[in-house]
Amino acid sequence: MIPGKVIGRLVASHALREFTGVKFLLVQPVDETLADSGKAVVACDAIGANVGEFVYMAQGREATFPLPEKFNPADLTIIAIIDVVTK
């Protein structure tokens, strides 16, 4: 799983049929200190995350499981909201 912070929303004028009803969010991956880690990515939202929230993303085949359409080409999907980070 990849931790990240939701930094924006994405509106697609055209999307595959498999993504009907799926929200896309712009997520900045973060490391264990919550510092930025790499470039921002687009992820499908399976749980209703909002801008400013820290989230976990599933990658690869696991990213396709939480979405409504069984067979889809998703590569990153938000699967959890991080409520608290402790050290």
Protein backbone atom coordinates (compact mmCIF):
# COMPACT_ATOMS: atom_id res chain seq x y z
CA MET A 1 0.00 0.00 0.00
CA ILE A 2 1.13 3.52 -0.77
CA PRO A 3 0.38 6.41 1.62
CA GLY A 4 -0.48 9.80 0.15
CA LYS A 5 -2.28 13.10 0.61
CA VAL A 6 -5.20 14.08 -1.61
CA ILE A 7 -4.29 17.42 -3.22
CA GLY A 8 -6.97 17.81 -5.89
CA ARG A 9 -9.77 16.44 -8.02
CA LEU A 10 -9.67 15.37 -11.64
CA VAL A 11 -12.56 15.74 -14.06
CA ALA A 12 -12.32 13.58 -17.18
CA SER A 13 -14.30 14.70 -20.22
CA HIS A 14 -13.99 11.16 -21.60
CA ALA A 15 -13.55 7.95 -19.60
CA LEU A 16 -13.85 4.25 -20.22
CA ARG A 17 -17.22 2.66 -19.56
CA GLU A 18 -15.62 0.67 -16.73
CA PHE A 19 -15.05 3.93 -14.83
CA THR A 20 -18.67 5.14 -14.92
CA GLY A 21 -19.45 6.64 -11.51
CA VAL A 22 -15.82 6.48 -10.30
CA LYS A 23 -14.26 9.67 -8.91
CA PHE A 24 -10.62 10.46 -9.75
CA LEU A 25 -8.37 12.29 -7.28
CA LEU A 26 -4.88 13.79 -7.52
CA VAL A 27 -2.72 12.30 -4.75
CA GLN A 28 0.77 13.26 -3.58
CA PRO A 29 2.60 10.15 -2.31
CA VAL A 30 4.25 10.69 1.09
CA ASP A 31 6.87 8.85 3.14
CA GLU A 32 6.75 7.81 6.81
CA THR A 33 7.47 11.40 7.91
CA LEU A 34 4.61 12.71 5.72
CA ALA A 35 7.09 14.44 3.41
CA ASP A 36 6.41 14.40 -0.33
CA SER A 37 7.77 11.31 -2.04
CA GLY A 38 7.85 11.53 -5.84
CA LYS A 39 5.40 13.06 -8.29
CA ALA A 40 1.65 13.39 -7.78
CA VAL A 41 -0.49 10.59 -9.23
CA VAL A 42 -4.11 10.11 -10.28
CA ALA A 43 -6.01 7.49 -8.29
CA CYS A 44 -9.54 6.12 -8.42
CA ASP A 45 -11.52 6.80 -5.25
CA ALA A 46 -13.36 3.81 -3.79
CA ILE A 47 -14.23 5.29 -0.39
CA GLY A 48 -15.14 8.98 -0.75
CA ALA A 49 -11.89 10.70 0.23
CA ASN A 50 -11.63 14.50 0.13
CA VAL A 51 -8.91 17.04 -0.58
CA GLY A 52 -6.53 17.37 2.38
CA GLU A 53 -7.00 13.84 3.73
CA PHE A 54 -4.21 11.31 4.09
CA VAL A 55 -5.03 8.02 2.37
CA TYR A 56 -3.70 4.57 1.50
CA MET A 57 -3.70 3.48 -2.14
CA ALA A 58 -3.67 -0.06 -3.52
CA GLN A 59 -1.57 -0.61 -6.63
CA GLY A 60 -1.69 -3.11 -9.48
CA ARG A 61 -4.31 -5.87 -9.62
CA GLU A 62 -5.50 -5.09 -6.07
CA ALA A 63 -6.49 -1.60 -7.26
CA THR A 64 -9.23 -3.10 -9.44
CA PHE A 65 -11.05 -5.01 -6.67
CA PRO A 66 -12.95 -2.18 -4.86
CA LEU A 67 -14.39 -0.59 -8.01
CA PRO A 68 -17.96 -1.23 -9.22
CA GLU A 69 -17.03 -2.79 -12.58
CA LYS A 70 -15.32 -6.14 -12.00
CA PHE A 71 -12.94 -5.90 -14.98
CA ASN A 72 -11.31 -2.46 -15.19
CA PRO A 73 -7.84 -1.07 -16.01
CA ALA A 74 -7.27 0.81 -12.71
CA ASP A 75 -3.67 0.99 -11.49
CA LEU A 76 -4.14 3.00 -8.27
CA THR A 77 -7.21 3.08 -6.05
CA ILE A 78 -7.73 4.82 -2.72
CA ILE A 79 -8.83 2.14 -0.27
CA ALA A 80 -8.47 3.78 3.18
CA ILE A 81 -8.41 7.15 4.91
CA ILE A 82 -5.65 7.60 7.50
CA ASP A 83 -7.15 9.13 10.66
CA VAL A 84 -4.09 9.30 12.91
CA VAL A 85 -0.34 8.98 12.41
CA THR A 86 1.80 8.19 15.47
CA LYS A 87 5.50 7.52 15.87
